[in-house]
Protein backbone atom coordinates (compact mmCIF):
# COMPACT_ATOMS: atom_id res chain seq x y z
CA MET A 1 140.11 115.98 75.03
CA HIS A 2 140.95 116.96 78.71
CA VAL A 3 138.76 119.99 80.63
CA LEU A 4 140.25 121.86 82.94
CA ALA A 5 138.85 124.65 84.98
CA THR A 6 141.25 127.68 86.09
CA ALA A 7 140.96 129.21 89.88
CA GLY A 8 142.32 132.31 91.67
CA HIS A 9 141.94 135.53 92.94
CA VAL A 10 140.19 138.42 90.70
CA ASP A 11 142.65 140.13 88.31
CA HIS A 12 145.31 137.56 88.88
CA GLY A 13 145.26 136.77 85.19
CA LYS A 14 143.67 133.62 84.58
CA SER A 15 142.11 134.92 81.60
CA THR A 16 145.40 136.63 80.36
CA LEU A 17 146.65 133.13 80.77
CA VAL A 18 144.44 131.37 78.62
CA ARG A 19 144.84 134.01 76.23
CA ALA A 20 148.46 133.43 76.31
CA LEU A 21 147.86 129.57 75.90
CA THR A 22 145.26 129.18 73.20
CA GLY A 23 145.22 132.49 71.30
CA MET A 24 141.90 132.68 71.89
CA GLU A 25 139.58 135.04 73.93
CA PRO A 26 137.76 133.56 76.71
CA ASP A 27 135.81 136.45 78.17
CA ARG A 28 132.58 136.70 75.86
CA TRP A 29 131.09 139.89 76.97
CA ALA A 30 131.99 143.19 75.87
CA GLU A 31 132.04 144.68 79.59
CA GLU A 32 134.28 142.00 80.46
CA ARG A 33 136.55 143.31 78.23
CA ARG A 34 135.98 146.68 78.99
CA ARG A 35 136.38 146.33 82.62
CA GLY A 36 139.46 143.80 82.25
CA MET A 37 137.69 141.41 84.75
CA THR A 38 135.82 138.09 84.04
CA ILE A 39 132.03 138.36 84.85
CA ASP A 40 130.94 134.68 83.42
CA LEU A 41 132.41 131.61 82.34
CA GLY A 42 134.81 131.71 79.33
CA PHE A 43 136.13 128.61 77.23
CA ALA A 44 138.72 128.34 74.91
CA TRP A 45 141.13 125.19 74.19
CA THR A 46 144.51 124.18 72.73
CA SER A 47 146.54 121.36 71.89
CA LEU A 48 149.79 120.30 74.02
CA PRO A 49 153.25 119.23 72.70
CA SER A 50 151.82 115.57 72.94
CA GLY A 51 149.02 116.23 70.66
CA ALA A 52 146.62 116.08 73.30
CA THR A 53 143.68 118.50 73.57
CA VAL A 54 143.15 120.58 76.70
CA ALA A 55 140.30 122.75 76.96
CA PHE A 56 139.78 125.81 79.66
CA VAL A 57 136.76 126.87 81.73
CA ASP A 58 137.71 130.04 82.72
CA VAL A 59 135.80 131.25 85.92
CA PRO A 60 135.55 134.55 87.19
CA GLY A 61 137.82 135.55 90.41
CA HIS A 62 135.72 138.33 91.85
CA GLU A 63 133.76 137.36 94.91
CA ARG A 64 130.65 138.49 93.75
CA PHE A 65 130.42 136.13 91.08
CA VAL A 66 131.57 132.79 93.13
CA GLY A 67 128.04 131.30 92.06
CA ASN A 68 129.09 131.58 88.25
CA MET A 69 132.70 130.14 89.59
CA LEU A 70 130.85 127.02 91.30
CA ALA A 71 129.02 126.34 87.96
CA GLY A 72 132.27 126.17 86.03
CA VAL A 73 134.18 124.10 88.57
CA GLY A 74 131.27 121.71 89.51
CA PRO A 75 131.52 119.20 86.55
CA VAL A 76 135.64 119.52 85.86
CA PRO A 77 137.80 117.12 87.26
CA ALA A 78 140.85 119.23 87.30
CA ALA A 79 142.02 122.48 88.28
CA VAL A 80 144.36 125.07 87.01
CA VAL A 81 145.13 127.25 90.34
CA VAL A 82 146.39 130.46 89.50
CA VAL A 83 148.37 133.41 91.80
CA ALA A 84 149.94 136.79 90.53
CA ALA A 85 153.39 136.72 91.91
CA ASP A 86 153.14 140.42 92.80
CA GLU A 87 150.34 140.04 94.87
CA GLY A 88 150.26 136.25 96.55
CA TRP A 89 147.73 134.43 98.24
CA ARG A 90 144.64 136.50 98.35
CA ALA A 91 140.87 136.07 99.87
CA GLN A 92 139.19 135.03 96.93
CA SER A 93 142.67 132.22 96.21
CA ALA A 94 141.45 130.80 99.77
CA GLU A 95 138.11 130.68 98.77
CA HIS A 96 138.56 129.04 95.22
CA LEU A 97 140.99 126.58 96.89
CA ALA A 98 138.10 125.83 99.86
CA ALA A 99 135.54 124.91 96.69
CA LEU A 100 138.10 122.83 94.73
CA ASP A 101 138.74 120.76 98.17
CA ALA A 102 135.07 120.37 99.03
CA LEU A 103 134.37 119.24 95.75
CA ASP A 104 137.28 116.82 96.24
CA VAL A 105 138.95 118.01 92.88
CA ARG A 106 142.22 115.60 93.49
CA HIS A 107 144.05 116.80 90.16
CA GLY A 108 145.88 120.34 89.83
CA LEU A 109 148.26 122.40 88.72
CA LEU A 110 149.97 125.68 90.57
CA VAL A 111 150.65 128.53 88.16
CA VAL A 112 152.02 131.71 89.45
CA THR A 113 151.82 134.62 86.99
CA ARG A 114 153.06 138.05 86.57
CA SER A 115 156.60 136.61 86.91
CA ASP A 116 157.73 139.38 85.57
CA LEU A 117 156.69 142.16 87.80
CA ALA A 118 157.69 140.41 91.29
CA ASP A 119 159.80 137.04 92.11
CA PRO A 120 157.73 134.19 92.11
CA GLY A 121 159.23 132.11 94.97
CA PRO A 122 157.00 133.50 97.99
CA ALA A 123 154.26 133.00 96.24
CA LEU A 124 155.10 129.53 94.63
CA GLY A 125 155.90 128.73 98.57
CA GLN A 126 152.76 129.93 100.09
CA ALA A 127 150.23 128.64 97.69
CA GLY A 128 151.82 125.63 97.53
CA ALA A 129 151.59 124.86 101.03
CA GLU A 130 147.86 125.86 100.90
CA ILE A 131 147.39 123.52 98.11
CA ALA A 132 148.94 120.78 99.67
CA ALA A 133 146.61 120.53 103.02
CA THR A 134 143.81 120.20 100.40
CA SER A 135 142.16 117.37 98.46
CA LEU A 136 144.61 118.39 95.83
CA GLY A 137 147.39 117.39 97.60
CA THR A 138 151.17 118.57 96.52
CA VAL A 139 150.87 119.79 93.09
CA GLU A 140 153.65 120.61 89.89
CA ALA A 141 154.28 124.50 90.24
CA VAL A 142 154.97 126.68 87.22
CA ALA A 143 155.86 130.41 87.09
CA VAL A 144 155.14 132.51 84.25
CA SER A 145 154.31 135.70 82.45
CA GLY A 146 151.38 135.84 80.29
CA ALA A 147 152.69 139.54 79.10
CA THR A 148 156.52 138.69 77.77
CA GLY A 149 155.26 134.75 77.39
CA ALA A 150 158.13 133.25 79.95
CA GLY A 151 157.56 129.64 80.92
CA LEU A 152 154.50 128.99 78.81
CA ASP A 153 156.72 126.25 77.37
CA GLU A 154 157.55 124.76 80.69
CA LEU A 155 153.30 125.16 81.68
CA ARG A 156 152.63 123.74 78.12
CA ALA A 157 154.80 120.54 79.30
CA ALA A 158 153.51 120.34 82.65
CA LEU A 159 150.13 120.65 81.27
CA ASP A 160 151.00 117.65 79.29
CA ARG A 161 151.94 115.71 82.57
CA LEU A 162 148.68 116.52 84.38
CA VAL A 163 146.66 115.43 81.84
CA THR A 164 148.22 112.09 81.62
CA ARG A 165 147.30 111.42 85.33
CA LEU A 166 143.46 112.26 84.61
CA PRO A 167 141.30 109.32 85.09
CA ALA A 168 139.82 107.65 81.97
CA PRO A 169 136.07 108.53 81.64
CA ASP A 170 133.59 105.61 81.19
CA PRO A 171 132.33 105.66 77.75
CA ALA A 172 129.54 103.50 78.51
CA ALA A 173 128.06 105.34 81.25
CA ALA A 174 125.04 107.24 81.42
CA VAL A 175 124.76 110.96 80.44
CA ARG A 176 124.60 113.61 83.14
CA LEU A 177 125.17 117.00 81.48
CA TRP A 178 125.26 119.67 83.63
CA ILE A 179 124.19 123.01 81.27
CA ASP A 180 126.41 126.21 82.08
CA ARG A 181 125.25 128.34 78.81
CA SER A 182 121.85 128.20 77.07
CA PHE A 183 121.45 130.88 74.13
CA THR A 184 119.89 130.84 70.58
CA VAL A 185 121.33 130.67 67.07
CA LYS A 186 119.32 131.83 64.43
CA GLY A 187 118.14 129.17 61.98
CA ALA A 188 119.01 125.97 64.63
CA GLY A 189 117.28 127.17 67.58
CA THR A 190 118.29 126.39 71.38
CA VAL A 191 121.80 125.82 72.04
CA VAL A 192 123.25 124.59 75.26
CA THR A 193 126.85 123.97 76.40
CA GLY A 194 128.44 122.05 78.99
CA THR A 195 131.09 119.61 80.04
CA LEU A 196 130.42 115.76 79.46
CA GLY A 197 132.20 113.83 82.10
CA ALA A 198 131.15 110.49 81.38
CA GLY A 199 129.02 108.52 78.20
CA GLU A 200 128.72 109.51 74.63
CA LEU A 201 126.50 111.80 72.79
CA ARG A 202 124.82 111.17 69.20
CA VAL A 203 123.06 113.27 66.94
CA GLY A 204 119.40 112.12 67.39
CA ASP A 205 119.81 110.97 70.70
CA GLU A 206 116.78 111.15 73.02
CA LEU A 207 117.40 112.65 76.18
CA GLU A 208 115.90 113.85 79.38
CA LEU A 209 115.95 117.55 80.66
CA THR A 210 115.35 118.46 84.19
CA GLY A 211 112.45 120.72 84.68
CA VAL A 212 110.76 120.00 81.68
CA SER A 213 108.18 117.38 81.57
CA ARG A 214 108.83 116.14 77.47
CA PRO A 215 111.82 114.64 75.92
CA VAL A 216 114.28 116.69 73.72
CA ARG A 217 115.97 115.68 70.88
CA VAL A 218 119.92 116.50 69.81
CA ARG A 219 119.57 118.14 66.38
CA GLY A 220 123.25 118.81 66.41
CA LEU A 221 126.37 118.58 67.76
CA GLN A 222 129.61 120.62 68.06
CA SER A 223 132.68 120.37 69.99
CA LEU A 224 135.80 122.73 70.04
CA GLY A 225 134.18 124.46 67.13
CA ALA A 226 133.57 121.61 64.93
CA THR A 227 130.09 120.00 64.09
CA ALA A 228 130.45 116.05 64.90
CA GLU A 229 127.71 113.41 65.01
CA ARG A 230 128.99 111.76 68.07
CA VAL A 231 130.87 113.46 70.90
CA GLY A 232 132.59 111.14 73.87
CA ALA A 233 133.87 112.33 77.40
CA VAL A 234 135.75 113.82 78.37
CA ALA A 235 134.76 117.00 76.34
CA ARG A 236 133.12 120.51 76.19
CA VAL A 237 130.28 120.12 74.04
CA ALA A 238 127.52 122.61 72.26
CA ILE A 239 123.98 120.81 71.68
CA ASN A 240 121.60 122.23 69.61
CA LEU A 241 117.97 121.12 70.92
CA ARG A 242 114.97 120.09 69.17
CA GLY A 243 111.56 119.99 71.44
CA VAL A 244 112.55 123.15 73.70
CA ASP A 245 112.96 126.91 73.62
CA LYS A 246 115.76 129.03 75.20
CA GLU A 247 113.23 130.44 77.80
CA THR A 248 112.66 126.68 79.41
CA VAL A 249 116.24 125.83 79.47
CA GLY A 250 119.29 127.36 81.58
CA ARG A 251 122.35 127.02 83.92
CA GLY A 252 121.78 124.41 86.67
CA GLN A 253 119.67 122.23 84.43
CA ALA A 254 120.99 118.75 83.23
CA LEU A 255 120.51 116.93 80.07
CA LEU A 256 120.27 113.11 81.10
CA THR A 257 119.97 109.59 79.55
CA PRO A 258 116.35 108.54 79.99
CA GLY A 259 115.54 106.37 83.03
CA ARG A 260 119.26 106.60 84.26
CA PHE A 261 118.62 109.15 87.08
CA ARG A 262 116.18 110.35 89.56
CA LEU A 263 115.17 113.67 90.73
CA THR A 264 115.31 113.74 94.44
CA GLU A 265 114.71 116.84 96.67
CA LEU A 266 115.39 115.05 99.94
CA ILE A 267 119.18 113.74 100.42
CA ASP A 268 121.28 112.02 103.13
CA VAL A 269 124.68 113.51 103.21
CA ARG A 270 128.05 113.49 104.90
CA VAL A 271 129.62 117.01 105.28
CA HIS A 272 133.19 117.36 104.86
CA GLY A 273 133.98 120.66 106.36
CA ASP A 274 132.07 122.70 109.19
CA PRO A 275 130.24 120.97 112.09
CA VAL A 276 127.03 120.26 111.11
CA ALA A 277 125.80 121.59 114.36
CA ASP A 278 127.21 124.97 112.83
CA LEU A 279 125.58 124.96 109.74
CA PRO A 280 122.74 127.49 109.14
CA ALA A 281 119.28 126.56 108.63
CA THR A 282 119.20 127.11 105.10
CA VAL A 283 122.14 126.79 102.92
CA THR A 284 122.78 126.60 99.02
CA LEU A 285 123.93 123.52 97.67
CA HIS A 286 126.00 123.69 94.64
CA ALA A 287 126.15 120.23 92.44
CA GLY A 288 127.01 120.50 88.79
CA SER A 289 126.34 123.56 87.38
CA ALA A 290 123.50 123.86 89.82
CA ALA A 291 122.90 126.03 92.75
CA VAL A 292 119.86 125.56 95.01
CA SER A 293 118.87 126.22 98.05
CA ALA A 294 118.70 123.66 100.78
CA ARG A 295 117.08 123.34 104.07
CA VAL A 296 119.61 121.56 106.81
CA ARG A 297 118.30 119.11 109.25
CA PRO A 298 121.51 117.88 111.59
CA LEU A 299 121.68 114.03 112.22
CA GLY A 300 124.79 113.19 113.01
CA ALA A 301 128.33 114.84 113.87
CA ASP A 302 129.16 114.51 110.21
CA THR A 303 126.00 113.79 108.74
CA ALA A 304 122.69 115.90 107.81
CA ARG A 305 119.61 115.54 105.58
CA LEU A 306 118.84 118.44 103.05
CA ARG A 307 115.75 119.18 101.78
CA LEU A 308 116.35 120.64 98.39
CA HIS A 309 114.06 123.53 97.26
CA THR A 310 114.56 122.01 93.48
CA PRO A 311 114.99 118.75 92.82
CA LEU A 312 117.94 117.37 91.71
CA PRO A 313 119.64 114.20 89.04
CA LEU A 314 121.61 113.28 92.01
CA ARG A 315 123.31 109.77 92.43
CA ILE A 316 124.95 107.96 95.74
CA GLY A 317 128.25 108.98 96.02
CA ASP A 318 128.13 112.31 93.95
CA ARG A 319 130.09 115.38 95.74
CA ALA A 320 128.52 118.75 96.41
CA LEU A 321 129.63 121.82 97.95
CA LEU A 322 127.44 123.58 100.68
CA ARG A 323 128.01 127.42 100.86
CA ASP A 324 126.43 129.94 103.37
CA PRO A 325 125.02 132.48 102.01
CA GLY A 326 124.60 134.80 104.81
CA ARG A 327 128.57 134.62 105.60
CA HIS A 328 129.55 134.48 102.02
CA HIS A 329 131.72 131.26 103.42
CA VAL A 330 132.26 127.69 102.08
CA ALA A 331 130.96 125.96 104.78
CA GLY A 332 132.09 122.39 103.11
CA GLY A 333 131.55 119.78 100.81
CA VAL A 334 129.23 116.84 100.64
CA THR A 335 128.98 113.11 99.64
CA VAL A 336 125.57 112.28 98.73
CA LEU A 337 124.99 109.15 101.22
CA ASP A 338 121.12 108.44 100.15
CA VAL A 339 119.22 109.77 97.49
CA VAL A 340 116.02 107.77 98.49
CA PRO A 341 116.34 108.35 102.65
CA PRO A 342 113.78 106.66 104.78
CA GLY A 343 111.24 108.75 106.66
CA LEU A 344 112.02 109.99 110.07
CA SER A 345 108.60 110.72 112.04
CA ARG A 346 108.91 108.16 114.67
CA ARG A 347 110.53 109.03 117.91
CA GLY A 348 114.17 108.06 117.71
CA ALA A 349 114.14 107.78 114.28
CA ALA A 350 116.63 110.36 113.69
CA ALA A 351 119.01 109.11 116.02
CA ALA A 352 118.77 105.65 114.40
CA ARG A 353 119.32 107.26 110.73
CA ALA A 354 122.47 109.10 112.17
CA ALA A 355 123.69 105.36 113.49
CA ALA A 356 123.07 103.92 110.43
CA LEU A 357 124.79 106.91 108.15
CA ALA A 358 127.57 106.64 110.27
CA GLY A 359 128.91 103.41 108.50
CA LEU A 360 128.24 104.42 104.93
CA SER A 361 131.13 105.49 102.65
CA GLY A 362 128.96 106.97 99.68
CA GLU A 363 129.95 103.96 97.51
CA SER A 364 126.82 102.67 95.71
CA ASP A 365 127.81 99.11 95.91
CA LEU A 366 124.85 96.61 95.58
CA ALA A 367 124.89 94.57 98.76
CA GLY A 368 124.88 97.21 100.74
CA GLU A 369 121.95 98.67 99.26
CA LEU A 370 119.85 95.41 98.99
CA HIS A 371 120.97 95.31 102.87
CA ARG A 372 119.37 98.77 103.43
CA ARG A 373 116.60 98.85 101.60
CA LEU A 374 115.79 94.83 101.47
CA LEU A 375 113.41 95.05 98.53
CA VAL A 376 113.86 97.24 95.73
CA ARG A 377 113.18 97.65 92.04
CA ARG A 378 116.06 97.00 89.49
CA ASP A 379 115.29 100.43 87.79
CA ASP A 380 115.56 102.37 91.04
CA LEU A 381 119.05 101.07 91.90
CA LEU A 382 120.30 102.16 88.72
CA ARG A 383 118.72 105.62 89.09
CA MET A 384 120.18 105.66 92.56
CA GLY A 385 123.59 104.74 90.82
CA VAL A 386 124.63 101.24 91.34
CA THR A 387 125.54 100.05 88.05
CA ASP A 388 125.19 96.38 88.30
CA PRO A 389 122.30 95.63 90.07
CA GLY A 390 122.22 91.74 89.32
CA GLU A 391 119.29 89.15 88.80
CA PRO A 392 115.90 90.03 90.20
CA VAL A 393 114.25 87.55 92.17
CA ALA A 394 110.65 87.98 90.42
CA GLY A 395 110.13 90.42 87.53
CA ASP A 396 112.32 93.58 88.23
CA TRP A 397 112.33 93.34 92.22
CA LEU A 398 115.52 92.42 93.64
CA ALA A 399 116.07 91.55 97.29
CA ASP A 400 118.65 91.34 100.46
CA PRO A 401 119.31 87.65 100.44
CA ALA A 402 118.90 87.15 103.74
CA HIS A 403 115.72 88.93 104.00
CA TRP A 404 114.37 86.45 100.74
CA ALA A 405 115.11 83.76 103.02
CA GLY A 406 113.42 84.99 106.04
CA LEU A 407 110.37 85.64 103.87
CA GLY A 408 110.17 82.18 102.41
CA GLU A 409 110.14 81.03 105.95
CA ARG A 410 107.38 83.13 107.10
CA LEU A 411 105.43 82.28 104.01
CA VAL A 412 105.43 78.16 105.10
CA ALA A 413 104.16 79.66 108.60
CA GLU A 414 101.54 81.77 107.06
CA VAL A 415 100.03 79.01 104.75
CA ALA A 416 100.01 76.94 107.91
CA ARG A 417 98.24 79.40 109.68
CA HIS A 418 95.74 79.92 107.05
CA ALA A 419 94.79 76.58 106.39
CA ALA A 420 94.40 76.23 110.52
CA GLU A 421 92.13 79.17 110.47
CA HIS A 422 90.33 78.33 107.14
CA PRO A 423 90.21 74.26 107.07
CA LEU A 424 87.48 74.24 104.09
CA GLU A 425 89.53 76.62 101.76
CA PRO A 426 92.07 75.01 99.14
CA GLY A 427 95.23 77.14 100.39
CA ALA A 428 95.84 80.64 101.12
CA PRO A 429 95.14 83.73 98.58
CA VAL A 430 98.07 84.87 97.17
CA GLU A 431 96.92 88.74 97.35
CA ALA A 432 96.07 87.90 101.39
CA LEU A 433 99.59 86.64 101.74
CA ARG A 434 101.04 89.46 100.05
CA HIS A 435 99.33 91.58 102.71
CA ARG A 436 100.83 89.51 105.55
CA LEU A 437 104.12 89.59 104.39
CA GLY A 438 104.03 93.36 103.72
CA LEU A 439 105.14 92.50 100.24
CA PRO A 440 104.56 95.05 97.59
CA ASP A 441 103.91 93.15 94.85
CA ARG A 442 102.11 89.83 94.12
CA ALA A 443 104.73 88.39 92.02
CA LEU A 444 107.01 88.01 94.90
CA VAL A 445 104.65 85.75 96.52
CA GLU A 446 104.77 83.79 94.09
CA ALA A 447 108.34 83.76 93.42
CA LEU A 448 108.62 82.67 96.98
CA VAL A 449 106.46 79.33 96.67
CA ARG A 450 108.85 76.53 96.93
CA PRO A 451 108.14 72.72 96.95
CA PRO A 452 106.25 71.60 99.13
CA LEU A 453 104.06 74.43 98.68
CA VAL A 454 102.25 74.90 95.47
CA THR A 455 100.28 77.59 93.68
CA ARG A 456 96.82 76.63 92.07
CA ARG A 457 93.97 79.18 90.98
CA GLY A 458 95.63 82.15 92.84
CA ARG A 459 96.28 80.19 96.35
CA VAL A 460 99.40 78.62 97.82
CA SER A 461 98.88 75.52 100.04
CA THR A 462 101.03 72.55 101.20
CA GLY A 463 99.89 70.38 97.93
CA GLY A 464 97.96 67.32 97.83
CA SER A 465 94.19 67.92 97.21
CA ASP A 466 93.90 70.72 99.53
CA VAL A 467 90.22 69.03 100.00
CA PRO A 468 89.60 68.35 103.48
CA ALA A 469 88.53 64.40 103.76
CA GLU A 470 85.23 65.42 105.26
CA LEU A 471 84.14 67.90 102.61
CA VAL A 472 84.75 65.01 100.07
CA THR A 473 82.87 62.54 102.05
CA ALA A 474 79.91 64.84 103.21
CA VAL A 475 79.43 65.80 99.07
CA ASP A 476 79.61 62.37 98.24
CA ARG A 477 77.02 61.48 100.63
CA ALA A 478 74.67 64.13 99.42
CA PHE A 479 74.45 62.62 96.22
CA ASP A 480 73.91 59.02 97.32
CA GLY A 481 70.62 58.01 96.24
CA LEU A 482 70.04 59.71 93.51
CA GLY A 483 71.07 57.26 91.33
CA ASP A 484 72.16 57.36 87.42
CA ARG A 485 70.74 60.66 87.25
CA PRO A 486 73.79 62.75 86.69
CA PHE A 487 71.53 66.30 86.41
CA ALA A 488 69.59 65.75 89.79
CA ALA A 489 70.41 67.90 92.35
CA PRO A 490 70.44 67.13 96.45
CA ASP A 491 67.55 68.91 98.30
CA ALA A 492 68.39 71.74 101.06
CA TYR A 493 67.17 69.71 103.76
CA ARG A 494 69.77 67.05 102.79
CA LEU A 495 72.24 69.43 102.33
CA SER A 496 71.71 71.09 105.84
CA GLU A 497 71.42 67.86 107.51
CA LEU A 498 74.85 67.02 106.17
CA GLY A 499 76.57 70.01 107.21
CA LEU A 500 76.60 71.61 103.98
CA GLY A 501 76.04 75.27 104.68
CA ALA A 502 77.20 78.13 102.38
CA ARG A 503 80.70 78.00 103.91
CA GLN A 504 80.96 74.33 102.82
CA LEU A 505 79.47 74.74 99.60
CA GLY A 506 81.74 77.43 99.02
CA ALA A 507 84.56 75.52 100.05
CA ALA A 508 83.47 72.75 97.78
CA VAL A 509 82.94 74.98 94.59
CA ARG A 510 86.46 76.16 95.18
CA ALA A 511 87.99 72.57 95.59
CA GLY A 512 86.33 71.68 92.00
CA LEU A 513 83.79 69.16 93.66
CA VAL A 514 80.61 70.50 92.45
CA VAL A 515 79.51 73.49 90.83
CA GLN A 516 76.59 75.78 92.27
CA LEU A 517 73.98 77.03 90.13
CA ALA A 518 71.99 79.08 92.62
CA GLY A 519 71.55 79.32 96.54
CA ASN A 520 71.43 75.72 97.44
CA VAL A 521 71.41 74.33 94.07
CA ILE A 522 74.61 72.01 93.09
CA LEU A 523 75.70 69.29 90.69
CA ARG A 524 78.77 67.56 90.52
CA ALA A 525 81.81 69.58 88.52
CA ASP A 526 81.20 67.88 85.48
CA ALA A 527 77.68 67.58 84.95
CA PRO A 528 77.43 71.24 82.80
CA ARG A 529 79.34 69.80 80.25
CA ARG A 530 77.54 66.50 80.05
CA ALA A 531 74.35 68.62 80.25
CA ALA A 532 75.39 70.36 77.10
CA GLN A 533 76.18 67.40 75.21
CA VAL A 534 72.81 66.12 75.65
CA LEU A 535 71.01 69.23 74.95
CA ALA A 536 72.96 69.65 71.64
CA GLY A 537 71.47 66.21 70.44
CA LEU A 538 67.90 67.60 70.80
CA PRO A 539 66.30 68.17 67.41
CA GLY A 540 65.88 72.07 66.72
CA PRO A 541 65.48 74.61 69.35
CA PHE A 542 63.94 73.28 72.69
CA THR A 543 61.83 74.67 75.76
CA VAL A 544 62.92 74.57 79.31
CA SER A 545 60.67 71.75 79.58
CA GLU A 546 62.24 70.00 76.79
CA ALA A 547 65.52 70.42 78.49
CA ARG A 548 64.06 69.38 81.80
CA ARG A 549 62.79 66.02 80.20
CA ALA A 550 66.14 65.11 78.34
CA LEU A 551 68.18 66.11 81.41
CA ASP A 552 65.70 63.76 83.54
CA THR A 553 66.03 66.74 86.15
CA SER A 554 63.17 69.37 87.98
CA ARG A 555 62.73 72.76 86.94
CA ARG A 556 64.90 73.74 90.04
CA VAL A 557 67.85 72.50 88.04
CA ALA A 558 67.20 73.29 84.52
CA VAL A 559 66.58 76.82 84.91
CA PRO A 560 69.74 78.21 86.75
CA LEU A 561 71.50 75.76 84.15
CA LEU A 562 70.17 76.99 80.91
CA GLU A 563 70.73 80.49 82.53
CA LEU A 564 74.29 79.53 83.03
CA PHE A 565 74.46 78.35 79.65
CA ASP A 566 73.11 81.45 78.42
CA SER A 567 76.06 83.35 80.18
CA THR A 568 78.83 81.74 78.95
CA GLY A 569 77.64 80.74 75.47
CA VAL A 570 77.04 77.60 75.43
CA THR A 571 73.31 78.04 74.43
CA ARG A 572 71.66 81.27 72.63
CA HIS A 573 68.27 82.51 74.18
CA LEU A 574 65.44 82.92 71.21
CA PRO A 575 62.73 85.67 71.31
CA ASP A 576 60.50 82.97 71.49
CA ASP A 577 61.80 81.85 74.83
CA ARG A 578 63.46 78.49 73.31
CA ARG A 579 66.91 77.77 72.73
CA VAL A 580 69.64 76.52 70.78
CA VAL A 581 72.71 74.90 71.36
CA GLU A 582 75.74 76.88 70.04
CA PRO A 583 78.23 74.98 67.55
CA GLY A 584 81.71 74.30 69.09
């Protein structure tokens, strides 16, 4: 299927033309038919001589309903511009064409209607020249009469040639369906309609709905009036939703593939149209079928920051339209350059941002986004519109290669700096390094570690024992003179004499040289294991005194050692103040 939108001045025969081509009534409301004027969006479809199916989004031409017109044109890739032979180029012809140009619509067809009432030549010439100066360029033109049927066969052939030039949709793309209608069907519930421009929908799919916190599910699908289990792009589609009522869904919302879009209320854009300096402080942004108020902050000659009143699921490279509501004027189109722009709170930040935006094309290329963001989560890049984010450096983090290499060099320097400032510590703590490098995740620090750096017990060092030789010597001397008594602890005086204060003892514990039972009570690191083996050999439950004698140590050591065993499950403290060694 191919989907086209009509465009043109009020009462130039757009609906009559669609009716003549399709045999269907595009005007849905009785008031529209009574007044002979399209007020809201209408839809109809037909088969072309080639067998291709084309669906029309018939938009209103009256100035008062430009918002409705833009809701229909926004998601559609091509347009049929309609001009009446007896009236020629008119105000809404120009405004509709300006809207198509602003949205960068590049495929179209000119149809001059009512050729039975006047010579179509002047209208063909003027309208063709106007269209040629826009994004549509030079388009094929056909003169027809909806009343007599003259030229309709030529029009069908021209439509066939048009649809063959339309770009092929991406069936694997994420779904972003802008809703243009919502209603309730008795026995079925809430139904929404829209143009599916990419991807596919299946019955049972779970989708995100903007403005609703919970997911919704596709209960049923219809396309061209027929029920379907799946619908692929491009297509007009009606979706029966489960999990949402009609009051919470309407035009301007969007159905999204979960996890593939982000709602943003702040975007940086390039403006194609009026000079940015001439834009009013507040404009209306039309994106897809949505129309939201936006505050304008000029940045460069053709770049600006827009703060949206309502967040929208926008991506880098999206096209949208700015309309000045005060002057009823299409101010121009915009290309979205950034959907997660940096803050502008520092002096000179706006000028620097304008310079950065000047070099952006609106293409969501991986290398460019990494260069600008330095570090970014893969999921965030997908939501911004980068389709192939590449391989993460750690977890789901991606990094700019040059920045990543620089972080590796800084890590080496920071580890050396920490070693100089804290010689008794066995390396720099990973968390401290994370703060020094300004990284958002400790996994990034661990991923940066390369030989000769190593990570041990949450610290990064240059390898080796990581224990200062003077500390090892002092600890060995502290236990000298205790003979073959492995459970005897050096006294506090001896520790002080050797310079083993609180900092040094802490370093010795972290280095695995000793275990600290209490303030100045230390044993060799393997002493608790050996002590447990000795106590396991005692017959029955034992007292503190019996444990002390078995270990040939003092009460100063035995009490905190047994408390350690109690807390780690090596022993069980009985009600009579005796203990047993737990099995295993």
